[in-house]
PDB file of N, CA and C in Angstrom:
ATOM      1  N   UNK A   1       0.935  -1.231   0.124  1.00  0.00           N
ATOM      2  CA  UNK A   1       0.026  -0.198   0.084  1.00  0.00           C
ATOM      3  C   UNK A   1       0.788   1.123  -0.013  1.00  0.00           C
ATOM      4  N   UNK A   2       0.426   2.377  -0.797  1.00  0.00           N
ATOM      5  CA  UNK A   2       1.163   3.536  -0.832  1.00  0.00           C
ATOM      6  C   UNK A   2       1.227   4.053   0.587  1.00  0.00           C
ATOM      7  N   UNK A   3       2.380   4.684   1.091  1.00  0.00           N
ATOM      8  CA  UNK A   3       2.613   5.272   2.349  1.00  0.00           C
ATOM      9  C   UNK A   3       1.839   6.471   2.483  1.00  0.00           C
ATOM     10  N   UNK A   4       1.765   7.305   1.363  1.00  0.00           N
ATOM     11  CA  UNK A   4       0.755   8.550   1.342  1.00  0.00           C
ATOM     12  C   UNK A   4      -0.578   8.212   1.639  1.00  0.00           C
ATOM     13  N   UNK A   5      -1.191   7.054   1.190  1.00  0.00           N
ATOM     14  CA  UNK A   5      -2.593   6.673   1.486  1.00  0.00           C
ATOM     15  C   UNK A   5      -2.757   6.309   2.774  1.00  0.00           C
ATOM     16  N   UNK A   6      -1.733   5.591   3.424  1.00  0.00           N
ATOM     17  CA  UNK A   6      -1.924   5.200   4.840  1.00  0.00           C
ATOM     18  C   UNK A   6      -1.894   6.273   5.745  1.00  0.00           C
ATOM     19  N   UNK A   7      -1.373   7.429   5.678  1.00  0.00           N
ATOM     20  CA  UNK A   7      -1.173   8.335   6.565  1.00  0.00           C
ATOM     21  C   UNK A   7      -2.240   9.718   6.138  1.00  0.00           C
ATOM     22  N   UNK A   8      -2.754   9.639   5.091  1.00  0.00           N
ATOM     23  CA  UNK A   8      -3.660  10.582   4.700  1.00  0.00           C
ATOM     24  C   UNK A   8      -3.082  11.850   3.984  1.00  0.00           C
ATOM     25  N   UNK A   9      -3.860  12.615   3.353  1.00  0.00           N
ATOM     26  CA  UNK A   9      -3.320  13.986   3.040  1.00  0.00           C
ATOM     27  C   UNK A   9      -2.388  14.976   3.695  1.00  0.00           C
ATOM     28  N   UNK A  10      -1.242  15.507   3.428  1.00  0.00           N
ATOM     29  CA  UNK A  10      -0.511  16.268   4.178  1.00  0.00           C
ATOM     30  C   UNK A  10      -1.462  17.450   4.568  1.00  0.00           C
ATOM     31  N   UNK A  11      -1.481  17.765   6.013  1.00  0.00           N
ATOM     32  CA  UNK A  11      -2.244  18.825   6.352  1.00  0.00           C
ATOM     33  C   UNK A  11      -1.893  20.495   6.083  1.00  0.00           C
ATOM     34  N   UNK A  12      -0.516  20.230   5.891  1.00  0.00           N
ATOM     35  CA  UNK A  12       0.127  21.573   5.486  1.00  0.00           C
ATOM     36  C   UNK A  12      -0.047  21.845   4.023  1.00  0.00           C
ATOM     37  N   UNK A  13      -0.260  20.912   2.960  1.00  0.00           N
ATOM     38  CA  UNK A  13      -0.565  21.045   1.601  1.00  0.00           C
ATOM     39  C   UNK A  13      -1.996  21.544   1.628  1.00  0.00           C
ATOM     40  N   UNK A  14      -2.673  20.535   2.414  1.00  0.00           N
ATOM     41  CA  UNK A  14      -4.353  20.694   2.021  1.00  0.00           C
ATOM     42  C   UNK A  14      -4.780  22.116   2.617  1.00  0.00           C
ATOM     43  N   UNK A  15      -4.231  22.677   3.817  1.00  0.00           N
ATOM     44  CA  UNK A  15      -4.484  24.065   4.069  1.00  0.00           C
ATOM     45  C   UNK A  15      -4.190  25.023   3.058  1.00  0.00           C
ATOM     46  N   UNK A  16      -2.806  24.774   2.634  1.00  0.00           N
ATOM     47  CA  UNK A  16      -2.408  26.012   1.709  1.00  0.00           C
ATOM     48  C   UNK A  16      -3.183  25.936   0.418  1.00  0.00           C
ATOM     49  N   UNK A  17      -3.541  24.924   0.001  1.00  0.00           N
ATOM     50  CA  UNK A  17      -4.361  24.729  -1.312  1.00  0.00           C
ATOM     51  C   UNK A  17      -5.564  25.340  -1.092  1.00  0.00           C
ATOM     52  N   UNK A  18      -6.166  25.008   0.121  1.00  0.00           N
ATOM     53  CA  UNK A  18      -7.444  25.484   0.299  1.00  0.00           C
ATOM     54  C   UNK A  18      -7.583  27.053   0.461  1.00  0.00           C
ATOM     55  N   UNK A  19      -6.541  27.514   1.201  1.00  0.00           N
ATOM     56  CA  UNK A  19      -6.358  28.973   1.225  1.00  0.00           C
ATOM     57  C   UNK A  19      -6.215  29.699   0.006  1.00  0.00           C
ATOM     58  N   UNK A  20      -5.337  29.101  -0.970  1.00  0.00           N
ATOM     59  CA  UNK A  20      -5.031  29.787  -2.022  1.00  0.00           C
ATOM     60  C   UNK A  20      -6.265  29.772  -3.090  1.00  0.00           C
ATOM     61  N   UNK A  21      -7.136  28.420  -3.118  1.00  0.00           N
ATOM     62  CA  UNK A  21      -8.121  28.421  -3.758  1.00  0.00           C
ATOM     63  C   UNK A  21      -9.390  29.427  -3.206  1.00  0.00           C
ATOM     64  N   UNK A  22      -9.349  29.557  -2.169  1.00  0.00           N
ATOM     65  CA  UNK A  22     -10.456  30.660  -1.581  1.00  0.00           C
ATOM     66  C   UNK A  22     -10.098  32.021  -2.053  1.00  0.00           C
ATOM     67  N   UNK A  23      -8.889  32.212  -1.778  1.00  0.00           N
ATOM     68  CA  UNK A  23      -8.469  33.460  -2.246  1.00  0.00           C
ATOM     69  C   UNK A  23      -8.684  33.805  -3.687  1.00  0.00           C
ATOM     70  N   UNK A  24      -8.293  33.002  -4.646  1.00  0.00           N
ATOM     71  CA  UNK A  24      -8.617  32.965  -6.108  1.00  0.00           C
ATOM     72  C   UNK A  24     -10.121  33.194  -6.452  1.00  0.00           C
ATOM     73  N   UNK A  25     -10.925  32.704  -5.637  1.00  0.00           N
ATOM     74  CA  UNK A  25     -12.290  32.704  -5.869  1.00  0.00           C
ATOM     75  C   UNK A  25     -12.910  34.143  -5.506  1.00  0.00           C
ATOM     76  N   UNK A  26     -11.989  34.730  -4.707  1.00  0.00           N
ATOM     77  CA  UNK A  26     -12.211  36.249  -4.248  1.00  0.00           C
ATOM     78  C   UNK A  26     -11.431  37.194  -5.069  1.00  0.00           C
ATOM     79  N   UNK A  27     -10.799  36.585  -6.147  1.00  0.00           N
ATOM     80  CA  UNK A  27      -9.957  37.499  -7.006  1.00  0.00           C
ATOM     81  C   UNK A  27      -8.709  38.035  -6.284  1.00  0.00           C
ATOM     82  N   UNK A  28      -8.162  37.474  -5.351  1.00  0.00           N
ATOM     83  CA  UNK A  28      -6.958  37.777  -4.733  1.00  0.00           C
ATOM     84  C   UNK A  28      -5.825  37.004  -5.256  1.00  0.00           C
ATOM     85  N   UNK A  29      -4.463  37.912  -5.377  1.00  0.00           N
ATOM     86  CA  UNK A  29      -3.546  36.865  -5.696  1.00  0.00           C
ATOM     87  C   UNK A  29      -2.673  36.562  -4.616  1.00  0.00           C
ATOM     88  N   UNK A  30      -1.604  35.927  -4.889  1.00  0.00           N
ATOM     89  CA  UNK A  30      -0.882  35.434  -3.620  1.00  0.00           C
ATOM     90  C   UNK A  30      -0.111  36.474  -2.764  1.00  0.00           C
ATOM     91  N   UNK A  31       0.114  37.574  -3.356  1.00  0.00           N
ATOM     92  CA  UNK A  31       0.795  38.697  -2.602  1.00  0.00           C
ATOM     93  C   UNK A  31      -0.600  39.148  -1.548  1.00  0.00           C
ATOM     94  N   UNK A  32      -1.738  39.273  -2.036  1.00  0.00           N
ATOM     95  CA  UNK A  32      -2.909  39.700  -1.233  1.00  0.00           C
ATOM     96  C   UNK A  32      -2.986  38.758  -0.066  1.00  0.00           C
ATOM     97  N   UNK A  33      -3.076  37.255  -0.403  1.00  0.00           N
ATOM     98  CA  UNK A  33      -3.042  36.278   0.378  1.00  0.00           C
ATOM     99  C   UNK A  33      -1.932  36.173   1.493  1.00  0.00           C
ATOM    100  N   UNK A  34      -0.891  36.828   1.179  1.00  0.00           N
ATOM    101  CA  UNK A  34       0.539  36.947   2.014  1.00  0.00           C
ATOM    102  C   UNK A  34       0.233  37.812   2.929  1.00  0.00           C
ATOM    103  N   UNK A  35      -0.368  39.112   2.575  1.00  0.00           N
ATOM    104  CA  UNK A  35      -0.494  40.169   3.409  1.00  0.00           C
ATOM    105  C   UNK A  35      -1.389  39.785   4.368  1.00  0.00           C
ATOM    106  N   UNK A  36      -2.445  38.820   4.257  1.00  0.00           N
ATOM    107  CA  UNK A  36      -3.455  38.323   5.197  1.00  0.00           C
ATOM    108  C   UNK A  36      -2.744  37.593   6.198  1.00  0.00           C
ATOM    109  N   UNK A  37      -1.965  36.626   6.015  1.00  0.00           N
ATOM    110  CA  UNK A  37      -1.308  35.783   6.966  1.00  0.00           C
ATOM    111  C   UNK A  37      -0.171  36.252   7.518  1.00  0.00           C
ATOM    112  N   UNK A  38       0.671  37.196   6.950  1.00  0.00           N
ATOM    113  CA  UNK A  38       1.897  37.976   7.115  1.00  0.00           C
ATOM    114  C   UNK A  38       2.878  36.885   6.669  1.00  0.00           C
ATOM    115  N   UNK A  39       2.966  36.593   5.485  1.00  0.00           N
ATOM    116  CA  UNK A  39       3.915  35.722   4.676  1.00  0.00           C
ATOM    117  C   UNK A  39       4.187  36.209   3.497  1.00  0.00           C
ATOM    118  N   UNK A  40       5.248  36.027   2.899  1.00  0.00           N
ATOM    119  CA  UNK A  40       5.561  36.676   1.642  1.00  0.00           C
ATOM    120  C   UNK A  40       5.050  35.613   0.456  1.00  0.00           C
ATOM    121  N   UNK A  41       4.946  36.170  -0.810  1.00  0.00           N
ATOM    122  CA  UNK A  41       4.067  35.416  -1.933  1.00  0.00           C
ATOM    123  C   UNK A  41       5.027  34.033  -2.014  1.00  0.00           C
ATOM    124  N   UNK A  42       6.530  33.910  -1.886  1.00  0.00           N
ATOM    125  CA  UNK A  42       7.134  32.946  -2.297  1.00  0.00           C
ATOM    126  C   UNK A  42       6.791  31.772  -1.283  1.00  0.00           C
ATOM    127  N   UNK A  43       6.730  32.365   0.013  1.00  0.00           N
ATOM    128  CA  UNK A  43       6.316  31.276   1.111  1.00  0.00           C
ATOM    129  C   UNK A  43       4.906  30.519   0.760  1.00  0.00           C
ATOM    130  N   UNK A  44       4.033  31.225   0.321  1.00  0.00           N
ATOM    131  CA  UNK A  44       2.921  30.675   0.194  1.00  0.00           C
ATOM    132  C   UNK A  44       2.800  29.705  -1.191  1.00  0.00           C
ATOM    133  N   UNK A  45       3.662  30.193  -2.218  1.00  0.00           N
ATOM    134  CA  UNK A  45       3.770  29.160  -3.279  1.00  0.00           C
ATOM    135  C   UNK A  45       4.499  27.989  -3.150  1.00  0.00           C
ATOM    136  N   UNK A  46       5.412  27.845  -2.164  1.00  0.00           N
ATOM    137  CA  UNK A  46       5.918  26.626  -1.702  1.00  0.00           C
ATOM    138  C   UNK A  46       4.865  25.670  -1.211  1.00  0.00           C
ATOM    139  N   UNK A  47       3.874  26.072  -0.735  1.00  0.00           N
ATOM    140  CA  UNK A  47       2.780  25.434  -0.348  1.00  0.00           C
ATOM    141  C   UNK A  47       2.916  24.675   1.017  1.00  0.00           C
ATOM    142  N   UNK A  48       3.608  25.401   2.069  1.00  0.00           N
ATOM    143  CA  UNK A  48       3.346  24.750   3.322  1.00  0.00           C
ATOM    144  C   UNK A  48       3.262  25.631   4.389  1.00  0.00           C
ATOM    145  N   UNK A  49       1.864  25.835   4.859  1.00  0.00           N
ATOM    146  CA  UNK A  49       1.226  26.469   5.934  1.00  0.00           C
ATOM    147  C   UNK A  49       0.593  25.366   6.667  1.00  0.00           C
ATOM    148  N   UNK A  50       1.388  25.435   8.027  1.00  0.00           N
ATOM    149  CA  UNK A  50       1.217  24.602   9.211  1.00  0.00           C
ATOM    150  C   UNK A  50      -0.013  25.177   9.692  1.00  0.00           C
ATOM    151  N   UNK A  51      -1.182  24.113  10.061  1.00  0.00           N
ATOM    152  CA  UNK A  51      -2.202  24.463  10.574  1.00  0.00           C
ATOM    153  C   UNK A  51      -2.017  24.843  12.236  1.00  0.00           C
ATOM    154  N   UNK A  52      -0.832  24.320  12.474  1.00  0.00           N
ATOM    155  CA  UNK A  52      -0.682  24.861  14.137  1.00  0.00           C
ATOM    156  C   UNK A  52       0.109  25.994  14.312  1.00  0.00           C
ATOM    157  N   UNK A  53       0.544  26.964  13.355  1.00  0.00           N
ATOM    158  CA  UNK A  53       1.175  28.038  13.286  1.00  0.00           C
ATOM    159  C   UNK A  53       0.236  29.266  13.470  1.00  0.00           C
ATOM    160  N   UNK A  54       0.721  30.256  13.517  1.00  0.00           N
ATOM    161  CA  UNK A  54      -0.314  31.722  13.853  1.00  0.00           C
ATOM    162  C   UNK A  54      -0.594  31.821  12.331  1.00  0.00           C
ATOM    163  N   UNK A  55       0.043  31.793  11.286  1.00  0.00           N
ATOM    164  CA  UNK A  55      -0.388  31.770   9.882  1.00  0.00           C
ATOM    165  C   UNK A  55      -1.243  30.804   9.605  1.00  0.00           C
ATOM    166  N   UNK A  56      -1.217  29.484  10.044  1.00  0.00           N
ATOM    167  CA  UNK A  56      -2.226  28.437   9.857  1.00  0.00           C
ATOM    168  C   UNK A  56      -3.700  28.915  10.285  1.00  0.00           C
ATOM    169  N   UNK A  57      -3.311  29.488  11.531  1.00  0.00           N
ATOM    170  CA  UNK A  57      -4.838  29.690  12.294  1.00  0.00           C
ATOM    171  C   UNK A  57      -5.496  30.761  11.409  1.00  0.00           C
ATOM    172  N   UNK A  58      -4.569  31.759  11.157  1.00  0.00           N
ATOM    173  CA  UNK A  58      -5.254  32.982  10.330  1.00  0.00           C
ATOM    174  C   UNK A  58      -5.710  32.422   8.952  1.00  0.00           C
ATOM    175  N   UNK A  59      -5.099  31.644   8.278  1.00  0.00           N
ATOM    176  CA  UNK A  59      -5.669  30.935   6.972  1.00  0.00           C
ATOM    177  C   UNK A  59      -6.877  30.203   7.221  1.00  0.00           C
ATOM    178  N   UNK A  60      -6.993  29.546   8.326  1.00  0.00           N
ATOM    179  CA  UNK A  60      -8.282  28.718   8.655  1.00  0.00           C
ATOM    180  C   UNK A  60      -9.419  29.594   8.936  1.00  0.00           C
ATOM    181  N   UNK A  61      -9.179  30.977   9.705  1.00  0.00           N
ATOM    182  CA  UNK A  61     -10.230  31.731   9.884  1.00  0.00           C
ATOM    183  C   UNK A  61     -10.436  32.320   8.498  1.00  0.00           C
ATOM    184  N   UNK A  62      -9.686  32.588   7.465  1.00  0.00           N
ATOM    185  CA  UNK A  62      -9.935  33.138   6.207  1.00  0.00           C
ATOM    186  C   UNK A  62     -10.765  32.241   5.381  1.00  0.00           C
ATOM    187  N   UNK A  63     -10.562  30.770   5.614  1.00  0.00           N
ATOM    188  CA  UNK A  63     -11.168  29.882   4.884  1.00  0.00           C
ATOM    189  C   UNK A  63     -12.845  29.754   5.241  1.00  0.00           C
ATOM    190  N   UNK A  64     -12.905  29.943   6.699  1.00  0.00           N
ATOM    191  CA  UNK A  64     -14.056  30.034   7.367  1.00  0.00           C
ATOM    192  C   UNK A  64     -14.959  31.012   6.750  1.00  0.00           C
ATOM    193  N   UNK A  65     -14.173  32.345   6.762  1.00  0.00           N
ATOM    194  CA  UNK A  65     -14.933  33.436   6.348  1.00  0.00           C
ATOM    195  C   UNK A  65     -15.466  32.979   4.704  1.00  0.00           C
ATOM    196  N   UNK A  66     -14.453  32.662   3.981  1.00  0.00           N
ATOM    197  CA  UNK A  66     -14.857  32.256   2.584  1.00  0.00           C
ATOM    198  C   UNK A  66     -16.148  31.210   2.444  1.00  0.00           C
ATOM    199  N   UNK A  67     -16.093  30.481   3.312  1.00  0.00           N
ATOM    200  CA  UNK A  67     -17.314  29.355   3.138  1.00  0.00           C
ATOM    201  C   UNK A  67     -18.599  30.097   3.670  1.00  0.00           C
ATOM    202  N   UNK A  68     -18.613  30.964   4.771  1.00  0.00           N
ATOM    203  CA  UNK A  68     -19.921  31.609   4.936  1.00  0.00           C
ATOM    204  C   UNK A  68     -20.296  32.372   3.752  1.00  0.00           C
ATOM    205  N   UNK A  69     -19.342  33.189   3.208  1.00  0.00           N
ATOM    206  CA  UNK A  69     -19.790  33.991   2.093  1.00  0.00           C
ATOM    207  C   UNK A  69     -20.206  33.219   0.967  1.00  0.00           C
ATOM    208  N   UNK A  70     -19.434  32.091   0.628  1.00  0.00           N
ATOM    209  CA  UNK A  70     -19.741  31.198  -0.326  1.00  0.00           C
ATOM    210  C   UNK A  70     -21.397  30.583  -0.192  1.00  0.00           C
ATOM    211  N   UNK A  71     -21.740  30.142   1.016  1.00  0.00           N
ATOM    212  CA  UNK A  71     -22.917  29.848   1.490  1.00  0.00           C
ATOM    213  C   UNK A  71     -24.188  30.777   1.275  1.00  0.00           C
ATOM    214  N   UNK A  72     -23.528  32.173   1.554  1.00  0.00           N
ATOM    215  CA  UNK A  72     -24.759  33.136   1.603  1.00  0.00           C
ATOM    216  C   UNK A  72     -24.943  33.594  -0.119  1.00  0.00           C
ATOM    217  N   UNK A  73     -24.014  33.349  -0.662  1.00  0.00           N
ATOM    218  CA  UNK A  73     -24.174  33.782  -2.273  1.00  0.00           C
ATOM    219  C   UNK A  73     -24.238  32.467  -3.118  1.00  0.00           C
ATOM    220  N   UNK A  74     -24.607  31.445  -2.586  1.00  0.00           N
ATOM    221  CA  UNK A  74     -24.874  30.029  -3.271  1.00  0.00           C
ATOM    222  C   UNK A  74     -23.820  29.998  -4.357  1.00  0.00           C
ATOM    223  N   UNK A  75     -22.405  30.221  -3.918  1.00  0.00           N
ATOM    224  CA  UNK A  75     -21.300  29.918  -4.710  1.00  0.00           C
ATOM    225  C   UNK A  75     -21.032  30.873  -5.773  1.00  0.00           C
ATOM    226  N   UNK A  76     -21.799  32.037  -6.109  1.00  0.00           N
ATOM    227  CA  UNK A  76     -21.757  32.946  -7.221  1.00  0.00           C
ATOM    228  C   UNK A  76     -20.536  33.791  -6.917  1.00  0.00           C
ATOM    229  N   UNK A  77     -19.477  33.415  -7.580  1.00  0.00           N
ATOM    230  CA  UNK A  77     -18.086  34.150  -7.519  1.00  0.00           C
ATOM    231  C   UNK A  77     -18.210  35.694  -7.659  1.00  0.00           C
ATOM    232  N   UNK A  78     -19.211  36.046  -8.744  1.00  0.00           N
ATOM    233  CA  UNK A  78     -19.318  37.278  -8.945  1.00  0.00           C
ATOM    234  C   UNK A  78     -19.739  38.199  -7.885  1.00  0.00           C
ATOM    235  N   UNK A  79     -20.745  37.865  -7.267  1.00  0.00           N
ATOM    236  CA  UNK A  79     -21.512  38.409  -5.926  1.00  0.00           C
ATOM    237  C   UNK A  79     -20.648  38.182  -4.904  1.00  0.00           C
ATOM    238  N   UNK A  80     -19.769  37.053  -4.701  1.00  0.00           N
ATOM    239  CA  UNK A  80     -18.675  37.124  -3.511  1.00  0.00           C
ATOM    240  C   UNK A  80     -17.561  38.099  -3.587  1.00  0.00           C
ATOM    241  N   UNK A  81     -17.169  38.256  -4.824  1.00  0.00           N
ATOM    242  CA  UNK A  81     -16.036  39.232  -5.364  1.00  0.00           C
ATOM    243  C   UNK A  81     -16.517  40.781  -5.144  1.00  0.00           C
ATOM    244  N   UNK A  82     -17.994  41.038  -5.469  1.00  0.00           N
ATOM    245  CA  UNK A  82     -18.430  42.167  -5.185  1.00  0.00           C
ATOM    246  C   UNK A  82     -18.581  42.675  -3.825  1.00  0.00           C
ATOM    247  N   UNK A  83     -18.866  41.753  -2.919  1.00  0.00           N
ATOM    248  CA  UNK A  83     -19.347  41.917  -1.634  1.00  0.00           C
ATOM    249  C   UNK A  83     -17.809  42.118  -1.080  1.00  0.00           C
ATOM    250  N   UNK A  84     -16.748  41.404  -1.482  1.00  0.00           N
ATOM    251  CA  UNK A  84     -15.504  41.314  -0.640  1.00  0.00           C
ATOM    252  C   UNK A  84     -14.730  42.614  -1.024  1.00  0.00           C
ATOM    253  N   UNK A  85     -14.988  43.167  -2.140  1.00  0.00           N
ATOM    254  CA  UNK A  85     -14.121  44.442  -2.694  1.00  0.00           C
ATOM    255  C   UNK A  85     -14.960  45.872  -2.497  1.00  0.00           C
ATOM    256  N   UNK A  86     -16.511  45.783  -1.811  1.00  0.00           N
ATOM    257  CA  UNK A  86     -17.148  46.831  -1.622  1.00  0.00           C
ATOM    258  C   UNK A  86     -17.273  47.347  -0.501  1.00  0.00           C
ATOM    259  N   UNK A  87     -17.363  48.712  -0.248  1.00  0.00           N
ATOM    260  CA  UNK A  87     -17.533  49.139   1.166  1.00  0.00           C
ATOM    261  C   UNK A  87     -18.741  48.551   1.445  1.00  0.00           C
ATOM    262  N   UNK A  88     -18.731  48.249   2.972  1.00  0.00           N
ATOM    263  CA  UNK A  88     -20.211  47.539   3.528  1.00  0.00           C
ATOM    264  C   UNK A  88     -20.365  48.473   4.758  1.00  0.00           C
ATOM    265  N   UNK A  89     -21.508  48.778   4.675  1.00  0.00           N
ATOM    266  CA  UNK A  89     -21.981  49.787   6.024  1.00  0.00           C
ATOM    267  C   UNK A  89     -22.183  48.893   7.272  1.00  0.00           C
ATOM    268  N   UNK A  90     -22.403  47.626   7.171  1.00  0.00           N
ATOM    269  CA  UNK A  90     -22.317  46.665   8.494  1.00  0.00           C
ATOM    270  C   UNK A  90     -20.931  46.471   9.081  1.00  0.00           C
ATOM    271  N   UNK A  91     -20.096  46.233   8.083  1.00  0.00           N
ATOM    272  CA  UNK A  91     -18.768  45.904   8.612  1.00  0.00           C
ATOM    273  C   UNK A  91     -17.929  47.348   8.885  1.00  0.00           C
ATOM    274  N   UNK A  92     -18.625  48.214   8.365  1.00  0.00           N
ATOM    275  CA  UNK A  92     -17.957  49.777   8.382  1.00  0.00           C
ATOM    276  C   UNK A  92     -16.511  49.779   7.689  1.00  0.00           C
ATOM    277  N   UNK A  93     -16.512  49.197   6.395  1.00  0.00           N
ATOM    278  CA  UNK A  93     -15.186  49.120   5.706  1.00  0.00           C
ATOM    279  C   UNK A  93     -15.417  48.231   4.509  1.00  0.00           C
ATOM    280  N   UNK A  94     -14.194  48.029   3.686  1.00  0.00           N
ATOM    281  CA  UNK A  94     -14.207  47.053   2.637  1.00  0.00           C
ATOM    282  C   UNK A  94     -13.545  45.763   3.241  1.00  0.00           C
ATOM    283  N   UNK A  95     -14.347  44.673   2.918  1.00  0.00           N
ATOM    284  CA  UNK A  95     -14.025  43.263   3.777  1.00  0.00           C
ATOM    285  C   UNK A  95     -12.402  42.951   3.373  1.00  0.00           C
ATOM    286  N   UNK A  96     -11.932  43.131   1.865  1.00  0.00           N
ATOM    287  CA  UNK A  96     -11.067  42.891   1.502  1.00  0.00           C
ATOM    288  C   UNK A  96      -9.623  43.706   2.338  1.00  0.00           C
ATOM    289  N   UNK A  97      -9.953  44.738   2.635  1.00  0.00           N
ATOM    290  CA  UNK A  97      -8.968  45.646   3.451  1.00  0.00           C
ATOM    291  C   UNK A  97      -9.058  45.210   4.871  1.00  0.00           C
ATOM    292  N   UNK A  98     -10.340  45.146   5.551  1.00  0.00           N
ATOM    293  CA  UNK A  98     -10.419  44.652   6.831  1.00  0.00           C
ATOM    294  C   UNK A  98      -9.755  43.477   7.155  1.00  0.00           C
ATOM    295  N   UNK A  99      -9.637  42.530   6.256  1.00  0.00           N
ATOM    296  CA  UNK A  99      -9.207  41.088   6.427  1.00  0.00           C
ATOM    297  C   UNK A  99      -7.490  41.443   6.391  1.00  0.00           C
ATOM    298  N   UNK A 100      -7.151  42.496   6.313  1.00  0.00           N
ATOM    299  CA  UNK A 100      -5.399  42.550   6.620  1.00  0.00           C
ATOM    300  C   UNK A 100      -5.279  42.585   8.003  1.00  0.00           C
ATOM    301  N   UNK A 101      -6.090  42.702   8.932  1.00  0.00           N
ATOM    302  CA  UNK A 101      -5.734  42.602  10.303  1.00  0.00           C
ATOM    303  C   UNK A 101      -6.524  41.289  10.757  1.00  0.00           C
ATOM    304  N   UNK A 102      -6.030  40.704  11.977  1.00  0.00           N
ATOM    305  CA  UNK A 102      -6.899  39.579  12.505  1.00  0.00           C
ATOM    306  C   UNK A 102      -7.946  40.071  13.066  1.00  0.00           C
ATOM    307  N   UNK A 103      -7.937  41.314  13.775  1.00  0.00           N
ATOM    308  CA  UNK A 103      -9.242  41.809  14.294  1.00  0.00           C
ATOM    309  C   UNK A 103     -10.153  42.137  13.242  1.00  0.00           C
ATOM    310  N   UNK A 104      -9.753  42.513  12.011  1.00  0.00           N
ATOM    311  CA  UNK A 104     -10.593  42.769  11.046  1.00  0.00           C
ATOM    312  C   UNK A 104     -11.470  41.391  10.339  1.00  0.00           C
ATOM    313  N   UNK A 105     -10.557  40.586  10.235  1.00  0.00           N
ATOM    314  CA  UNK A 105     -10.839  39.018   9.694  1.00  0.00           C
ATOM    315  C   UNK A 105     -11.888  38.418  10.582  1.00  0.00           C
ATOM    316  N   UNK A 106     -11.488  38.502  12.007  1.00  0.00           N
ATOM    317  CA  UNK A 106     -12.412  37.922  12.726  1.00  0.00           C
ATOM    318  C   UNK A 106     -13.795  38.748  12.915  1.00  0.00           C
ATOM    319  N   UNK A 107     -13.826  40.140  12.716  1.00  0.00           N
ATOM    320  CA  UNK A 107     -15.173  40.816  12.749  1.00  0.00           C
ATOM    321  C   UNK A 107     -15.745  40.242  11.348  1.00  0.00           C
ATOM    322  N   UNK A 108     -15.236  40.163  10.222  1.00  0.00           N
ATOM    323  CA  UNK A 108     -16.047  39.916   9.141  1.00  0.00           C
ATOM    324  C   UNK A 108     -16.518  38.586   9.248  1.00  0.00           C
ATOM    325  N   UNK A 109     -15.673  37.572   9.808  1.00  0.00           N
ATOM    326  CA  UNK A 109     -16.112  36.068   9.800  1.00  0.00           C
ATOM    327  C   UNK A 109     -17.534  36.142  10.715  1.00  0.00           C
ATOM    328  N   UNK A 110     -17.334  36.774  11.864  1.00  0.00           N
ATOM    329  CA  UNK A 110     -18.429  36.728  12.834  1.00  0.00           C
ATOM    330  C   UNK A 110     -19.475  37.313  12.449  1.00  0.00           C
ATOM    331  N   UNK A 111     -19.509  38.131  11.713  1.00  0.00           N
ATOM    332  CA  UNK A 111     -20.628  39.092  10.763  1.00  0.00           C
ATOM    333  C   UNK A 111     -21.424  38.099   9.962  1.00  0.00           C
ATOM    334  N   UNK A 112     -20.609  37.478   9.077  1.00  0.00           N
ATOM    335  CA  UNK A 112     -21.302  36.454   7.958  1.00  0.00           C
ATOM    336  C   UNK A 112     -21.702  35.290   8.720  1.00  0.00           C
ATOM    337  N   UNK A 113     -20.938  34.727   9.820  1.00  0.00           N
ATOM    338  CA  UNK A 113     -21.620  33.425  10.545  1.00  0.00           C
ATOM    339  C   UNK A 113     -23.036  34.075  11.034  1.00  0.00           C
ATOM    340  N   UNK A 114     -22.894  35.171  11.540  1.00  0.00           N
ATOM    341  CA  UNK A 114     -24.313  35.650  12.176  1.00  0.00           C
ATOM    342  C   UNK A 114     -25.295  35.668  10.997  1.00  0.00           C
ATOM    343  N   UNK A 115     -25.016  36.332   9.882  1.00  0.00           N
ATOM    344  CA  UNK A 115     -26.198  36.381   8.882  1.00  0.00           C
ATOM    345  C   UNK A 115     -26.492  34.745   8.636  1.00  0.00           C
ATOM    346  N   UNK A 116     -25.480  34.001   8.441  1.00  0.00           N
ATOM    347  CA  UNK A 116     -25.767  32.629   8.136  1.00  0.00           C
ATOM    348  C   UNK A 116     -26.816  32.066   8.919  1.00  0.00           C
ATOM    349  N   UNK A 117     -26.657  32.337  10.295  1.00  0.00           N
ATOM    350  CA  UNK A 117     -27.593  31.881  11.127  1.00  0.00           C
ATOM    351  C   UNK A 117     -28.920  32.115  11.293  1.00  0.00           C
ATOM    352  N   UNK A 118     -29.200  33.217  10.503  1.00  0.00           N
ATOM    353  CA  UNK A 118     -30.521  33.801  10.404  1.00  0.00           C
ATOM    354  C   UNK A 118     -31.058  33.020   8.931  1.00  0.00           C
ATOM    355  N   UNK A 119     -30.246  32.342   8.229  1.00  0.00           N
ATOM    356  CA  UNK A 119     -31.086  31.983   7.039  1.00  0.00           C
ATOM    357  C   UNK A 119     -31.544  30.481   7.187  1.00  0.00           C
TER     358      UNK A 119
END
């Protein structure tokens, strides 16, 4: 049996791919994503964000935010990108800019989770 199959997928690779894919759906490049987690573009492209690291925790929070936005918009990437890049009265800013701080990303995620809870 293949050793990779015995141990399952690599959590670092899985997290990195999910983080990059979520960012791409929101029309973000790797520089933008690096600014969110505090890593440079080349670190992200090497594909190893540990879920146990501070960067990993922020990436997981970003993915949670993305999943809430995805659910609220039925996966419509155009609507998701519009929401992400447009000034929002409820969050008091542009979510893409607010996500550059952990506090802002957490606030956006809490807001989206609260709206999802009402649906």
